[in-house]
Protein backbone atom coordinates (compact mmCIF):
# COMPACT_ATOMS: atom_id res chain seq x y z
CA MET A 1 73.92 89.53 94.94
CA SER A 2 71.36 90.63 97.48
CA TYR A 3 71.26 92.53 100.69
CA ARG A 4 68.65 93.06 103.35
CA LEU A 5 67.66 96.46 104.69
CA LYS A 6 65.49 96.75 107.78
CA VAL A 7 64.21 100.14 108.90
CA THR A 8 62.56 100.30 112.33
CA GLY A 9 60.26 102.92 113.78
CA LEU A 10 58.26 103.67 110.61
CA THR A 11 55.04 102.20 112.06
CA ASP A 12 55.22 104.64 114.95
CA VAL A 13 55.76 107.55 112.55
CA LYS A 14 52.76 106.42 110.46
CA ASN A 15 50.56 106.21 113.59
CA ILE A 16 51.64 109.68 114.75
CA PHE A 17 50.73 111.14 111.36
CA ALA A 18 47.35 109.34 111.46
CA GLU A 19 46.59 110.54 115.00
CA ASN A 20 47.54 114.11 114.14
CA LYS A 21 45.97 114.24 110.68
CA LYS A 22 43.46 116.93 111.70
CA ILE A 23 46.16 119.05 113.36
CA ILE A 24 48.44 118.70 110.34
CA SER A 25 45.61 119.56 107.92
CA GLN A 26 44.60 122.57 110.01
CA ALA A 27 48.25 123.75 110.25
CA VAL A 28 48.65 123.47 106.48
CA ASN A 29 45.40 125.42 105.96
CA ASP A 30 46.30 127.94 108.61
CA LEU A 31 49.99 128.63 107.96
CA SER A 32 50.09 131.12 110.82
CA ARG A 33 50.03 128.33 113.37
CA ASP A 34 53.17 126.41 114.45
CA LEU A 35 53.20 122.68 113.84
CA ARG A 36 54.97 120.63 116.46
CA LEU A 37 55.13 116.86 116.28
CA THR A 38 57.45 114.66 118.24
CA LEU A 39 58.69 111.83 116.07
CA PRO A 40 60.20 108.66 117.47
CA SER A 41 63.80 107.85 116.62
CA LEU A 42 64.30 105.79 113.53
CA GLY A 43 66.67 102.85 113.44
CA VAL A 44 68.34 101.36 110.41
CA ASP A 45 69.70 97.85 110.45
CA VAL A 46 71.58 96.75 107.32
CA ASP A 47 72.60 93.15 106.80
CA LEU A 48 75.58 93.03 104.43
CA THR A 49 76.48 89.36 104.77
CA SER A 50 75.62 88.84 101.12
CA LEU A 51 77.97 91.65 100.20
CA LYS A 52 80.77 89.90 102.13
CA LYS A 53 80.24 86.89 99.89
CA ALA A 54 80.51 89.19 96.87
CA GLU A 55 83.81 90.50 98.24
CA GLU A 56 85.39 87.02 98.40
CA PRO A 57 86.05 86.74 94.62
CA LEU A 58 87.62 90.22 94.66
CA VAL A 59 89.94 89.23 97.51
CA LEU A 60 90.86 86.07 95.60
CA LEU A 61 91.48 88.08 92.43
CA GLN A 62 93.71 90.50 94.37
CA LYS A 63 95.74 87.57 95.70
CA GLN A 64 96.02 86.04 92.22
CA ILE A 65 97.25 89.35 90.79
CA LYS A 66 99.88 89.64 93.55
CA ASP A 67 100.94 86.02 92.99
CA ALA A 68 101.21 86.63 89.23
CA HIS A 69 103.27 89.78 89.91
CA MET A 70 105.70 87.97 92.21
CA ALA A 71 106.03 85.04 89.79
CA ALA A 72 106.70 87.45 86.92
CA VAL A 73 109.29 89.39 88.95
CA ASN A 74 111.07 86.14 89.91
CA LEU A 75 111.14 85.03 86.27
CA MET A 76 112.36 88.47 85.23
CA ALA A 77 115.11 88.30 87.86
CA ALA A 78 116.24 84.99 86.33
CA GLU A 79 116.27 86.60 82.87
CA PHE A 80 118.22 89.56 84.24
CA SER A 81 120.72 87.19 85.85
CA LYS A 82 121.31 85.55 82.45
CA ALA A 83 121.67 89.00 80.88
CA LEU A 84 124.32 89.89 83.48
CA ASP A 85 126.29 86.76 82.57
CA ASP A 86 125.92 87.49 78.86
CA ALA A 87 127.11 91.06 79.43
CA MET A 88 130.23 89.84 81.21
CA GLU A 89 130.94 87.33 78.44
CA SER A 90 130.51 89.89 75.63
CA SER A 91 133.74 90.95 73.95
CA VAL A 92 132.76 94.62 73.93
CA TRP A 93 134.55 95.94 77.02
CA SER A 94 137.47 98.28 76.53
CA TRP A 95 140.78 96.90 77.78
CA GLY A 96 143.71 99.09 76.81
CA THR A 97 143.71 99.27 73.02
CA ASP A 98 141.56 96.20 72.65
CA ASN A 99 138.05 95.01 73.47
CA ARG A 100 137.45 91.82 75.40
CA ASP A 101 135.04 90.15 77.79
CA ILE A 102 135.20 90.62 81.55
CA VAL A 103 135.62 86.97 82.53
CA ASP A 104 139.15 85.85 83.47
CA THR A 105 138.87 83.11 86.08
CA GLY A 106 135.08 83.07 86.36
CA GLU A 107 135.26 83.82 90.09
CA LEU A 108 133.56 87.22 89.75
CA LYS A 109 130.78 85.77 87.62
CA LYS A 110 130.22 82.91 90.08
CA SER A 111 130.02 85.35 93.01
CA LYS A 112 126.82 86.89 91.61
CA LYS A 113 123.57 86.70 93.57
CA VAL A 114 120.27 88.00 92.22
CA VAL A 115 117.61 88.17 94.94
CA VAL A 116 113.94 89.16 94.84
CA ASP A 117 112.68 90.48 98.17
CA SER A 118 109.12 90.23 99.51
CA ASP A 119 108.22 93.61 97.99
CA GLY A 120 109.21 92.39 94.53
CA ASP A 121 112.42 94.44 94.35
CA ILE A 122 115.37 92.82 92.57
CA HIS A 123 118.80 93.12 94.21
CA VAL A 124 122.11 92.21 92.57
CA PHE A 125 125.20 91.35 94.61
CA TYR A 126 128.72 90.35 93.57
CA GLY A 127 130.72 88.88 96.42
CA ALA A 128 134.19 88.82 94.84
CA ASP A 129 136.56 91.27 96.56
CA TYR A 130 137.48 92.90 93.29
CA ALA A 131 133.94 93.34 91.89
CA ALA A 132 133.90 97.11 92.43
CA ILE A 133 137.19 97.80 90.67
CA VAL A 134 136.16 95.68 87.69
CA HIS A 135 132.82 97.48 87.47
CA TYR A 136 133.88 101.06 88.24
CA GLY A 137 137.58 100.95 87.37
CA GLY A 138 140.39 102.55 89.30
CA TYR A 139 143.96 102.09 90.47
CA PHE A 140 145.23 99.22 92.55
CA HIS A 141 148.54 97.91 93.83
CA PRO A 142 149.11 94.43 92.37
CA TYR A 143 149.92 91.81 94.99
CA GLY A 144 149.93 94.56 97.63
CA ASN A 145 153.12 96.12 96.17
CA GLU A 146 152.95 99.80 97.17
CA ASN A 147 155.65 100.65 94.59
CA ALA A 148 153.53 99.42 91.71
CA LYS A 149 150.25 100.99 90.62
CA THR A 150 148.04 99.61 87.90
CA PHE A 151 144.98 101.17 86.31
CA TYR A 152 141.92 99.05 85.63
CA PRO A 153 139.40 100.54 83.19
CA GLY A 154 135.82 100.43 84.43
CA ARG A 155 133.55 97.92 82.73
CA PRO A 156 130.14 98.77 84.18
CA TRP A 157 128.13 95.81 82.91
CA VAL A 158 125.43 96.14 85.63
CA THR A 159 124.93 99.87 85.06
CA ALA A 160 124.88 99.38 81.28
CA LEU A 161 122.13 96.77 81.57
CA ILE A 162 120.03 98.84 83.96
CA GLU A 163 120.53 102.37 82.62
CA GLY A 164 121.71 101.82 79.07
CA GLY A 165 124.38 103.86 77.38
CA GLY A 166 127.03 101.13 77.45
CA PRO A 167 128.39 98.81 74.81
CA ILE A 168 125.55 96.35 75.48
CA ASP A 169 121.81 96.80 75.09
CA GLN A 170 119.80 97.99 78.05
CA PHE A 171 117.66 95.30 79.68
CA ASN A 172 114.03 96.11 78.85
CA PHE A 173 112.45 95.50 82.25
CA SER A 174 108.99 96.84 81.37
CA ALA A 175 108.53 94.83 78.16
CA ILE A 176 109.81 91.62 79.73
CA TYR A 177 107.74 92.14 82.87
CA ARG A 178 104.60 92.83 80.86
CA ILE A 179 104.95 89.57 78.90
CA LEU A 180 105.77 87.51 81.99
CA PHE A 181 103.01 89.08 84.11
CA VAL A 182 100.29 88.47 81.52
CA THR A 183 101.50 84.89 81.06
CA GLU A 184 101.51 84.23 84.82
CA LEU A 185 98.14 85.92 85.32
CA ASN A 186 96.61 83.78 82.58
CA LYS A 187 98.01 80.65 84.25
CA LEU A 188 96.50 81.59 87.60
CA LEU A 189 93.12 82.67 86.25
CA GLY A 190 93.07 79.64 83.94
């Protein structure tokens, strides 16, 4: 990597010092006398085009790192989606005096959408009307009958995967991301 530096005006400064050599010598010998020299303005012209070329690999590396990150996040989102399905299918959720899975008709499970946005954030959506009551629990009126009230226990499979503390293991985002990111980065950097 090279760069070019051009300083202008130094020849004029050199000539002024040469022309005033006697005055400068006398002023140094006779420190009681003021020394006044008018120096021309100096100009500096720096050519950094070579440095721009050196920047190109860094810009490419930055893009490759971002691409590896997004690829890793998308792969992690797919793994998380599978973990959500597995959590729903696990027979660990309290239901009255028994434990069972969450899947009845499969409609809730099929309504799941896992989306990665452009910032790399993962969003989980369940479109089934009853997703919230299955997840958080609560009372409902079966078939709209206001005289009947049924309690649904909460089975927070999403929260358990994200935060832990449930009957299923917490999803280890950082460990999974680390493995996927390094793998994707190695692919891109080849």
